PDB file of N, CA and C in Angstrom:
ATOM      1  N   MET A   1      -8.908 -31.759   4.086  1.00  0.00           N
ATOM      2  CA  MET A   1      -7.945 -30.669   4.140  1.00  0.00           C
ATOM      3  C   MET A   1      -8.374 -29.671   5.208  1.00  0.00           C
ATOM      4  N   GLU A   2      -7.415 -29.141   5.921  1.00  0.00           N
ATOM      5  CA  GLU A   2      -7.673 -28.133   6.958  1.00  0.00           C
ATOM      6  C   GLU A   2      -7.851 -26.753   6.321  1.00  0.00           C
ATOM      7  N   HIS A   3      -8.809 -26.010   6.855  1.00  0.00           N
ATOM      8  CA  HIS A   3      -9.057 -24.638   6.400  1.00  0.00           C
ATOM      9  C   HIS A   3      -9.167 -23.741   7.616  1.00  0.00           C
ATOM     10  N   ASP A   4      -8.713 -22.505   7.470  1.00  0.00           N
ATOM     11  CA  ASP A   4      -8.793 -21.526   8.552  1.00  0.00           C
ATOM     12  C   ASP A   4      -8.757 -20.143   7.916  1.00  0.00           C
ATOM     13  N   ILE A   5      -9.922 -19.515   7.833  1.00  0.00           N
ATOM     14  CA  ILE A   5     -10.017 -18.209   7.176  1.00  0.00           C
ATOM     15  C   ILE A   5     -10.723 -17.222   8.107  1.00  0.00           C
ATOM     16  N   ASN A   6     -10.517 -15.950   7.828  1.00  0.00           N
ATOM     17  CA  ASN A   6     -11.241 -14.873   8.499  1.00  0.00           C
ATOM     18  C   ASN A   6     -11.972 -14.068   7.446  1.00  0.00           C
ATOM     19  N   LEU A   7     -13.176 -13.626   7.784  1.00  0.00           N
ATOM     20  CA  LEU A   7     -13.964 -12.782   6.887  1.00  0.00           C
ATOM     21  C   LEU A   7     -14.094 -11.389   7.468  1.00  0.00           C
ATOM     22  N   ASN A   8     -14.281 -10.415   6.610  1.00  0.00           N
ATOM     23  CA  ASN A   8     -14.336  -9.012   6.998  1.00  0.00           C
ATOM     24  C   ASN A   8     -15.697  -8.614   7.575  1.00  0.00           C
ATOM     25  N   ILE A   9     -16.125  -9.337   8.575  1.00  0.00           N
ATOM     26  CA  ILE A   9     -17.356  -9.003   9.292  1.00  0.00           C
ATOM     27  C   ILE A   9     -16.945  -8.708  10.721  1.00  0.00           C
ATOM     28  N   HIS A  10     -17.101  -7.460  11.121  1.00  0.00           N
ATOM     29  CA  HIS A  10     -16.599  -6.983  12.400  1.00  0.00           C
ATOM     30  C   HIS A  10     -17.481  -7.426  13.556  1.00  0.00           C
ATOM     31  N   TYR A  11     -16.861  -7.711  14.680  1.00  0.00           N
ATOM     32  CA  TYR A  11     -17.603  -8.192  15.854  1.00  0.00           C
ATOM     33  C   TYR A  11     -18.574  -7.166  16.426  1.00  0.00           C
ATOM     34  N   THR A  12     -18.435  -5.893  16.046  1.00  0.00           N
ATOM     35  CA  THR A  12     -19.332  -4.853  16.553  1.00  0.00           C
ATOM     36  C   THR A  12     -20.594  -4.696  15.717  1.00  0.00           C
ATOM     37  N   ALA A  13     -20.793  -5.564  14.746  1.00  0.00           N
ATOM     38  CA  ALA A  13     -21.997  -5.486  13.904  1.00  0.00           C
ATOM     39  C   ALA A  13     -23.244  -5.580  14.788  1.00  0.00           C
ATOM     40  N   PRO A  14     -24.298  -4.853  14.423  1.00  0.00           N
ATOM     41  CA  PRO A  14     -25.522  -4.879  15.234  1.00  0.00           C
ATOM     42  C   PRO A  14     -26.270  -6.211  15.124  1.00  0.00           C
ATOM     43  N   LYS A  15     -27.207  -6.402  16.016  1.00  0.00           N
ATOM     44  CA  LYS A  15     -27.987  -7.639  16.111  1.00  0.00           C
ATOM     45  C   LYS A  15     -28.624  -8.016  14.775  1.00  0.00           C
ATOM     46  N   GLU A  16     -29.144  -7.046  14.030  1.00  0.00           N
ATOM     47  CA  GLU A  16     -29.806  -7.334  12.750  1.00  0.00           C
ATOM     48  C   GLU A  16     -28.837  -7.995  11.765  1.00  0.00           C
ATOM     49  N   VAL A  17     -27.577  -7.579  11.795  1.00  0.00           N
ATOM     50  CA  VAL A  17     -26.570  -8.165  10.906  1.00  0.00           C
ATOM     51  C   VAL A  17     -26.315  -9.615  11.300  1.00  0.00           C
ATOM     52  N   TRP A  18     -26.204  -9.879  12.598  1.00  0.00           N
ATOM     53  CA  TRP A  18     -25.953 -11.248  13.064  1.00  0.00           C
ATOM     54  C   TRP A  18     -27.129 -12.160  12.739  1.00  0.00           C
ATOM     55  N   GLU A  19     -28.325 -11.621  12.772  1.00  0.00           N
ATOM     56  CA  GLU A  19     -29.494 -12.420  12.389  1.00  0.00           C
ATOM     57  C   GLU A  19     -29.421 -12.819  10.919  1.00  0.00           C
ATOM     58  N   LYS A  20     -28.979 -11.893  10.064  1.00  0.00           N
ATOM     59  CA  LYS A  20     -28.813 -12.200   8.639  1.00  0.00           C
ATOM     60  C   LYS A  20     -27.719 -13.240   8.433  1.00  0.00           C
ATOM     61  N   ILE A  21     -26.636 -13.097   9.175  1.00  0.00           N
ATOM     62  CA  ILE A  21     -25.532 -14.056   9.080  1.00  0.00           C
ATOM     63  C   ILE A  21     -26.011 -15.440   9.491  1.00  0.00           C
ATOM     64  N   ASP A  22     -26.762 -15.517  10.593  1.00  0.00           N
ATOM     65  CA  ASP A  22     -27.291 -16.809  11.045  1.00  0.00           C
ATOM     66  C   ASP A  22     -28.171 -17.459   9.988  1.00  0.00           C
ATOM     67  N   THR A  23     -28.972 -16.653   9.281  1.00  0.00           N
ATOM     68  CA  THR A  23     -29.831 -17.183   8.222  1.00  0.00           C
ATOM     69  C   THR A  23     -28.987 -17.764   7.086  1.00  0.00           C
ATOM     70  N   VAL A  24     -27.927 -17.061   6.723  1.00  0.00           N
ATOM     71  CA  VAL A  24     -27.035 -17.569   5.680  1.00  0.00           C
ATOM     72  C   VAL A  24     -26.356 -18.850   6.144  1.00  0.00           C
ATOM     73  N   TYR A  25     -25.832 -18.838   7.353  1.00  0.00           N
ATOM     74  CA  TYR A  25     -25.180 -20.042   7.877  1.00  0.00           C
ATOM     75  C   TYR A  25     -26.089 -21.258   7.752  1.00  0.00           C
ATOM     76  N   SER A  26     -27.321 -21.115   8.227  1.00  0.00           N
ATOM     77  CA  SER A  26     -28.233 -22.266   8.245  1.00  0.00           C
ATOM     78  C   SER A  26     -28.680 -22.686   6.847  1.00  0.00           C
ATOM     79  N   SER A  27     -28.486 -21.810   5.856  1.00  0.00           N
ATOM     80  CA  SER A  27     -28.854 -22.153   4.479  1.00  0.00           C
ATOM     81  C   SER A  27     -27.740 -22.903   3.742  1.00  0.00           C
ATOM     82  N   MET A  28     -26.567 -22.966   4.360  1.00  0.00           N
ATOM     83  CA  MET A  28     -25.421 -23.559   3.688  1.00  0.00           C
ATOM     84  C   MET A  28     -25.446 -25.086   3.774  1.00  0.00           C
ATOM     85  N   PRO A  29     -24.948 -25.748   2.712  1.00  0.00           N
ATOM     86  CA  PRO A  29     -24.854 -27.210   2.753  1.00  0.00           C
ATOM     87  C   PRO A  29     -24.039 -27.680   3.958  1.00  0.00           C
ATOM     88  N   TYR A  30     -24.421 -28.811   4.500  1.00  0.00           N
ATOM     89  CA  TYR A  30     -23.765 -29.477   5.621  1.00  0.00           C
ATOM     90  C   TYR A  30     -24.045 -28.808   6.968  1.00  0.00           C
ATOM     91  N   TRP A  31     -25.027 -27.901   7.017  1.00  0.00           N
ATOM     92  CA  TRP A  31     -25.372 -27.236   8.274  1.00  0.00           C
ATOM     93  C   TRP A  31     -25.713 -28.275   9.336  1.00  0.00           C
ATOM     94  N   ALA A  32     -25.097 -28.142  10.515  1.00  0.00           N
ATOM     95  CA  ALA A  32     -25.324 -29.090  11.602  1.00  0.00           C
ATOM     96  C   ALA A  32     -25.942 -28.427  12.823  1.00  0.00           C
ATOM     97  N   GLY A  33     -26.130 -27.110  12.769  1.00  0.00           N
ATOM     98  CA  GLY A  33     -26.770 -26.421  13.879  1.00  0.00           C
ATOM     99  C   GLY A  33     -25.839 -25.476  14.605  1.00  0.00           C
ATOM    100  N   ASP A  34     -26.393 -24.891  15.665  1.00  0.00           N
ATOM    101  CA  ASP A  34     -25.698 -23.831  16.380  1.00  0.00           C
ATOM    102  C   ASP A  34     -25.720 -24.077  17.886  1.00  0.00           C
ATOM    103  N   LYS A  35     -25.694 -25.325  18.298  1.00  0.00           N
ATOM    104  CA  LYS A  35     -25.770 -25.653  19.721  1.00  0.00           C
ATOM    105  C   LYS A  35     -24.588 -25.074  20.500  1.00  0.00           C
ATOM    106  N   ASN A  36     -23.391 -25.277  20.013  1.00  0.00           N
ATOM    107  CA  ASN A  36     -22.175 -24.752  20.653  1.00  0.00           C
ATOM    108  C   ASN A  36     -21.429 -23.816  19.710  1.00  0.00           C
ATOM    109  N   GLY A  37     -22.154 -23.123  18.866  1.00  0.00           N
ATOM    110  CA  GLY A  37     -21.572 -22.273  17.839  1.00  0.00           C
ATOM    111  C   GLY A  37     -21.878 -22.863  16.477  1.00  0.00           C
ATOM    112  N   PRO A  38     -21.890 -22.038  15.454  1.00  0.00           N
ATOM    113  CA  PRO A  38     -22.221 -22.517  14.102  1.00  0.00           C
ATOM    114  C   PRO A  38     -21.294 -23.654  13.674  1.00  0.00           C
ATOM    115  N   ARG A  39     -21.906 -24.689  13.059  1.00  0.00           N
ATOM    116  CA  ARG A  39     -21.123 -25.858  12.660  1.00  0.00           C
ATOM    117  C   ARG A  39     -21.718 -26.508  11.418  1.00  0.00           C
ATOM    118  N   TRP A  40     -20.835 -27.023  10.585  1.00  0.00           N
ATOM    119  CA  TRP A  40     -21.213 -27.776   9.394  1.00  0.00           C
ATOM    120  C   TRP A  40     -20.484 -29.107   9.455  1.00  0.00           C
ATOM    121  N   MET A  41     -21.237 -30.200   9.212  1.00  0.00           N
ATOM    122  CA  MET A  41     -20.640 -31.529   9.333  1.00  0.00           C
ATOM    123  C   MET A  41     -21.123 -32.456   8.222  1.00  0.00           C
ATOM    124  N   GLY A  42     -20.307 -33.420   7.910  1.00  0.00           N
ATOM    125  CA  GLY A  42     -20.626 -34.433   6.915  1.00  0.00           C
ATOM    126  C   GLY A  42     -19.450 -35.380   6.810  1.00  0.00           C
ATOM    127  N   LYS A  43     -19.462 -36.231   5.782  1.00  0.00           N
ATOM    128  CA  LYS A  43     -18.341 -37.150   5.589  1.00  0.00           C
ATOM    129  C   LYS A  43     -17.076 -36.335   5.310  1.00  0.00           C
ATOM    130  N   ASP A  44     -16.086 -36.470   6.185  1.00  0.00           N
ATOM    131  CA  ASP A  44     -14.815 -35.732   6.092  1.00  0.00           C
ATOM    132  C   ASP A  44     -15.010 -34.221   6.215  1.00  0.00           C
ATOM    133  N   ILE A  45     -16.119 -33.784   6.815  1.00  0.00           N
ATOM    134  CA  ILE A  45     -16.407 -32.357   6.969  1.00  0.00           C
ATOM    135  C   ILE A  45     -16.692 -32.059   8.434  1.00  0.00           C
ATOM    136  N   ASP A  46     -15.960 -31.122   8.977  1.00  0.00           N
ATOM    137  CA  ASP A  46     -16.190 -30.639  10.337  1.00  0.00           C
ATOM    138  C   ASP A  46     -15.682 -29.204  10.404  1.00  0.00           C
ATOM    139  N   LEU A  47     -16.571 -28.260  10.100  1.00  0.00           N
ATOM    140  CA  LEU A  47     -16.241 -26.833  10.118  1.00  0.00           C
ATOM    141  C   LEU A  47     -16.994 -26.154  11.243  1.00  0.00           C
ATOM    142  N   TRP A  48     -16.412 -25.108  11.790  1.00  0.00           N
ATOM    143  CA  TRP A  48     -17.065 -24.299  12.803  1.00  0.00           C
ATOM    144  C   TRP A  48     -16.779 -22.826  12.520  1.00  0.00           C
ATOM    145  N   ALA A  49     -17.586 -21.959  13.106  1.00  0.00           N
ATOM    146  CA  ALA A  49     -17.397 -20.520  12.953  1.00  0.00           C
ATOM    147  C   ALA A  49     -17.400 -19.865  14.322  1.00  0.00           C
ATOM    148  N   SER A  50     -16.629 -18.790  14.447  1.00  0.00           N
ATOM    149  CA  SER A  50     -16.625 -18.000  15.670  1.00  0.00           C
ATOM    150  C   SER A  50     -16.385 -16.539  15.316  1.00  0.00           C
ATOM    151  N   VAL A  51     -16.722 -15.675  16.255  1.00  0.00           N
ATOM    152  CA  VAL A  51     -16.528 -14.244  16.070  1.00  0.00           C
ATOM    153  C   VAL A  51     -15.261 -13.849  16.815  1.00  0.00           C
ATOM    154  N   GLU A  52     -14.323 -13.285  16.087  1.00  0.00           N
ATOM    155  CA  GLU A  52     -13.027 -12.894  16.642  1.00  0.00           C
ATOM    156  C   GLU A  52     -12.755 -11.430  16.316  1.00  0.00           C
ATOM    157  N   PRO A  53     -11.823 -10.778  17.042  1.00  0.00           N
ATOM    158  CA  PRO A  53     -11.460  -9.401  16.694  1.00  0.00           C
ATOM    159  C   PRO A  53     -10.956  -9.264  15.254  1.00  0.00           C
ATOM    160  N   SER A  54     -10.423 -10.359  14.702  1.00  0.00           N
ATOM    161  CA  SER A  54      -9.918 -10.342  13.323  1.00  0.00           C
ATOM    162  C   SER A  54     -11.008 -10.613  12.300  1.00  0.00           C
ATOM    163  N   GLY A  55     -12.252 -10.738  12.741  1.00  0.00           N
ATOM    164  CA  GLY A  55     -13.374 -11.023  11.850  1.00  0.00           C
ATOM    165  C   GLY A  55     -13.970 -12.376  12.159  1.00  0.00           C
ATOM    166  N   ILE A  56     -14.968 -12.750  11.394  1.00  0.00           N
ATOM    167  CA  ILE A  56     -15.533 -14.088  11.565  1.00  0.00           C
ATOM    168  C   ILE A  56     -14.482 -15.094  11.131  1.00  0.00           C
ATOM    169  N   GLN A  57     -14.233 -16.068  11.988  1.00  0.00           N
ATOM    170  CA  GLN A  57     -13.299 -17.133  11.660  1.00  0.00           C
ATOM    171  C   GLN A  57     -14.092 -18.390  11.327  1.00  0.00           C
ATOM    172  N   ILE A  58     -13.722 -19.036  10.242  1.00  0.00           N
ATOM    173  CA  ILE A  58     -14.281 -20.337   9.878  1.00  0.00           C
ATOM    174  C   ILE A  58     -13.101 -21.279   9.715  1.00  0.00           C
ATOM    175  N   ALA A  59     -13.156 -22.373  10.452  1.00  0.00           N
ATOM    176  CA  ALA A  59     -12.017 -23.290  10.448  1.00  0.00           C
ATOM    177  C   ALA A  59     -12.513 -24.727  10.582  1.00  0.00           C
ATOM    178  N   GLY A  60     -11.640 -25.647  10.214  1.00  0.00           N
ATOM    179  CA  GLY A  60     -11.945 -27.065  10.335  1.00  0.00           C
ATOM    180  C   GLY A  60     -11.526 -27.817   9.093  1.00  0.00           C
ATOM    181  N   THR A  61     -12.164 -28.965   8.897  1.00  0.00           N
ATOM    182  CA  THR A  61     -11.797 -29.820   7.776  1.00  0.00           C
ATOM    183  C   THR A  61     -12.937 -29.924   6.765  1.00  0.00           C
ATOM    184  N   MET A  62     -12.558 -29.906   5.500  1.00  0.00           N
ATOM    185  CA  MET A  62     -13.480 -30.108   4.385  1.00  0.00           C
ATOM    186  C   MET A  62     -12.621 -30.409   3.163  1.00  0.00           C
ATOM    187  N   PRO A  63     -12.967 -31.439   2.402  1.00  0.00           N
ATOM    188  CA  PRO A  63     -12.193 -31.721   1.190  1.00  0.00           C
ATOM    189  C   PRO A  63     -12.127 -30.481   0.277  1.00  0.00           C
ATOM    190  N   ASN A  64     -10.968 -30.260  -0.314  1.00  0.00           N
ATOM    191  CA  ASN A  64     -10.764 -29.073  -1.147  1.00  0.00           C
ATOM    192  C   ASN A  64     -11.782 -28.941  -2.268  1.00  0.00           C
ATOM    193  N   ASP A  65     -12.165 -30.054  -2.903  1.00  0.00           N
ATOM    194  CA  ASP A  65     -13.102 -29.973  -4.018  1.00  0.00           C
ATOM    195  C   ASP A  65     -14.474 -29.481  -3.554  1.00  0.00           C
ATOM    196  N   ILE A  66     -14.856 -29.772  -2.324  1.00  0.00           N
ATOM    197  CA  ILE A  66     -16.116 -29.266  -1.776  1.00  0.00           C
ATOM    198  C   ILE A  66     -15.924 -27.836  -1.267  1.00  0.00           C
ATOM    199  N   TRP A  67     -14.798 -27.587  -0.608  1.00  0.00           N
ATOM    200  CA  TRP A  67     -14.516 -26.281  -0.011  1.00  0.00           C
ATOM    201  C   TRP A  67     -14.607 -25.152  -1.029  1.00  0.00           C
ATOM    202  N   GLU A  68     -14.020 -25.330  -2.182  1.00  0.00           N
ATOM    203  CA  GLU A  68     -13.978 -24.253  -3.178  1.00  0.00           C
ATOM    204  C   GLU A  68     -15.375 -23.736  -3.504  1.00  0.00           C
ATOM    205  N   GLY A  69     -16.309 -24.613  -3.781  1.00  0.00           N
ATOM    206  CA  GLY A  69     -17.673 -24.207  -4.089  1.00  0.00           C
ATOM    207  C   GLY A  69     -18.425 -23.729  -2.865  1.00  0.00           C
ATOM    208  N   TRP A  70     -18.231 -24.389  -1.732  1.00  0.00           N
ATOM    209  CA  TRP A  70     -18.920 -24.037  -0.490  1.00  0.00           C
ATOM    210  C   TRP A  70     -18.514 -22.640  -0.042  1.00  0.00           C
ATOM    211  N   TYR A  71     -17.219 -22.384  -0.035  1.00  0.00           N
ATOM    212  CA  TYR A  71     -16.698 -21.082   0.404  1.00  0.00           C
ATOM    213  C   TYR A  71     -17.138 -19.965  -0.540  1.00  0.00           C
ATOM    214  N   ALA A  72     -17.108 -20.199  -1.822  1.00  0.00           N
ATOM    215  CA  ALA A  72     -17.578 -19.201  -2.797  1.00  0.00           C
ATOM    216  C   ALA A  72     -19.058 -18.898  -2.576  1.00  0.00           C
ATOM    217  N   LEU A  73     -19.862 -19.926  -2.325  1.00  0.00           N
ATOM    218  CA  LEU A  73     -21.290 -19.736  -2.072  1.00  0.00           C
ATOM    219  C   LEU A  73     -21.514 -18.958  -0.778  1.00  0.00           C
ATOM    220  N   LEU A  74     -20.772 -19.273   0.267  1.00  0.00           N
ATOM    221  CA  LEU A  74     -20.896 -18.546   1.536  1.00  0.00           C
ATOM    222  C   LEU A  74     -20.608 -17.064   1.344  1.00  0.00           C
ATOM    223  N   LYS A  75     -19.504 -16.734   0.684  1.00  0.00           N
ATOM    224  CA  LYS A  75     -19.159 -15.327   0.454  1.00  0.00           C
ATOM    225  C   LYS A  75     -20.215 -14.637  -0.402  1.00  0.00           C
ATOM    226  N   LYS A  76     -20.727 -15.322  -1.417  1.00  0.00           N
ATOM    227  CA  LYS A  76     -21.753 -14.742  -2.292  1.00  0.00           C
ATOM    228  C   LYS A  76     -23.016 -14.421  -1.494  1.00  0.00           C
ATOM    229  N   ARG A  77     -23.484 -15.383  -0.710  1.00  0.00           N
ATOM    230  CA  ARG A  77     -24.713 -15.179   0.065  1.00  0.00           C
ATOM    231  C   ARG A  77     -24.541 -14.084   1.122  1.00  0.00           C
ATOM    232  N   LEU A  78     -23.397 -14.067   1.801  1.00  0.00           N
ATOM    233  CA  LEU A  78     -23.158 -13.028   2.803  1.00  0.00           C
ATOM    234  C   LEU A  78     -23.079 -11.647   2.149  1.00  0.00           C
ATOM    235  N   THR A  79     -22.420 -11.565   1.004  1.00  0.00           N
ATOM    236  CA  THR A  79     -22.326 -10.296   0.274  1.00  0.00           C
ATOM    237  C   THR A  79     -23.719  -9.796  -0.091  1.00  0.00           C
ATOM    238  N   GLU A  80     -24.569 -10.689  -0.572  1.00  0.00           N
ATOM    239  CA  GLU A  80     -25.927 -10.298  -0.974  1.00  0.00           C
ATOM    240  C   GLU A  80     -26.747  -9.778   0.206  1.00  0.00           C
ATOM    241  N   VAL A  81     -26.713 -10.461   1.343  1.00  0.00           N
ATOM    242  CA  VAL A  81     -27.570 -10.061   2.466  1.00  0.00           C
ATOM    243  C   VAL A  81     -27.004  -8.884   3.254  1.00  0.00           C
ATOM    244  N   LEU A  82     -25.675  -8.724   3.261  1.00  0.00           N
ATOM    245  CA  LEU A  82     -25.083  -7.636   4.041  1.00  0.00           C
ATOM    246  C   LEU A  82     -24.883  -6.365   3.238  1.00  0.00           C
ATOM    247  N   GLY A  83     -24.866  -6.479   1.916  1.00  0.00           N
ATOM    248  CA  GLY A  83     -24.784  -5.287   1.080  1.00  0.00           C
ATOM    249  C   GLY A  83     -23.386  -4.738   0.861  1.00  0.00           C
ATOM    250  N   TYR A  84     -22.375  -5.494   1.212  1.00  0.00           N
ATOM    251  CA  TYR A  84     -20.997  -5.119   0.882  1.00  0.00           C
ATOM    252  C   TYR A  84     -20.198  -6.398   0.654  1.00  0.00           C
ATOM    253  N   GLU A  85     -19.095  -6.277  -0.100  1.00  0.00           N
ATOM    254  CA  GLU A  85     -18.364  -7.469  -0.519  1.00  0.00           C
ATOM    255  C   GLU A  85     -17.649  -8.135   0.655  1.00  0.00           C
ATOM    256  N   ILE A  86     -17.906  -9.426   0.808  1.00  0.00           N
ATOM    257  CA  ILE A  86     -17.325 -10.213   1.875  1.00  0.00           C
ATOM    258  C   ILE A  86     -16.149 -11.019   1.354  1.00  0.00           C
ATOM    259  N   GLY A  87     -15.061 -10.985   2.094  1.00  0.00           N
ATOM    260  CA  GLY A  87     -13.866 -11.748   1.755  1.00  0.00           C
ATOM    261  C   GLY A  87     -12.874 -11.659   2.896  1.00  0.00           C
ATOM    262  N   GLU A  88     -11.668 -12.093   2.642  1.00  0.00           N
ATOM    263  CA  GLU A  88     -10.648 -12.125   3.674  1.00  0.00           C
ATOM    264  C   GLU A  88      -9.915 -10.777   3.740  1.00  0.00           C
ATOM    265  N   PRO A  89      -9.812 -10.199   4.949  1.00  0.00           N
ATOM    266  CA  PRO A  89      -9.097  -8.925   5.089  1.00  0.00           C
ATOM    267  C   PRO A  89      -7.672  -8.993   4.537  1.00  0.00           C
ATOM    268  N   GLU A  90      -7.028 -10.149   4.671  1.00  0.00           N
ATOM    269  CA  GLU A  90      -5.660 -10.310   4.162  1.00  0.00           C
ATOM    270  C   GLU A  90      -5.591 -10.166   2.647  1.00  0.00           C
ATOM    271  N   GLU A  91      -6.741 -10.311   1.987  1.00  0.00           N
ATOM    272  CA  GLU A  91      -6.790 -10.168   0.533  1.00  0.00           C
ATOM    273  C   GLU A  91      -7.315  -8.794   0.128  1.00  0.00           C
ATOM    274  N   GLY A  92      -7.414  -7.886   1.097  1.00  0.00           N
ATOM    275  CA  GLY A  92      -7.793  -6.516   0.789  1.00  0.00           C
ATOM    276  C   GLY A  92      -9.257  -6.166   1.006  1.00  0.00           C
ATOM    277  N   TYR A  93     -10.049  -7.067   1.557  1.00  0.00           N
ATOM    278  CA  TYR A  93     -11.457  -6.779   1.814  1.00  0.00           C
ATOM    279  C   TYR A  93     -11.565  -5.987   3.113  1.00  0.00           C
ATOM    280  N   ASP A  94     -12.200  -4.823   3.024  1.00  0.00           N
ATOM    281  CA  ASP A  94     -12.306  -3.939   4.168  1.00  0.00           C
ATOM    282  C   ASP A  94     -13.442  -4.336   5.093  1.00  0.00           C
ATOM    283  N   PHE A  95     -13.237  -4.034   6.375  1.00  0.00           N
ATOM    284  CA  PHE A  95     -14.291  -4.200   7.360  1.00  0.00           C
ATOM    285  C   PHE A  95     -15.280  -3.066   7.213  1.00  0.00           C
ATOM    286  N   LYS A  96     -16.514  -3.359   7.545  1.00  0.00           N
ATOM    287  CA  LYS A  96     -17.521  -2.313   7.639  1.00  0.00           C
ATOM    288  C   LYS A  96     -17.820  -2.187   9.126  1.00  0.00           C
ATOM    289  N   TYR A  97     -17.404  -1.080   9.679  1.00  0.00           N
ATOM    290  CA  TYR A  97     -17.574  -0.887  11.112  1.00  0.00           C
ATOM    291  C   TYR A  97     -18.925  -0.275  11.419  1.00  0.00           C
ATOM    292  N   PHE A  98     -19.440  -0.613  12.557  1.00  0.00           N
ATOM    293  CA  PHE A  98     -20.753  -0.142  12.956  1.00  0.00           C
ATOM    294  C   PHE A  98     -20.638   0.591  14.281  1.00  0.00           C
ATOM    295  N   ASP A  99     -21.475   1.601  14.445  1.00  0.00           N
ATOM    296  CA  ASP A  99     -21.516   2.331  15.724  1.00  0.00           C
ATOM    297  C   ASP A  99     -22.446   1.629  16.684  1.00  0.00           C
TER     298      ASP A  99
END
């Protein structure tokens, strides 16, 4: 199944925040590395992440039964390390802007 979501992590976040995000990314199941941008791969799995003005975008293919748990775990881990609730801006999750 195709997935395409944005998370409320603003592109102006400082370097320390991106380092925490990278640590979470690499801790996630199906991590394939960051050669051309963060990527997760496996059987029927090909997800990538990028930084966009609309927030972090994660898109690609992953079976729905795996996606539900994977996505929940990603949001949980990011929320824990960043100190504010991570989710989709379209669902009411606010950006935390940085100077």
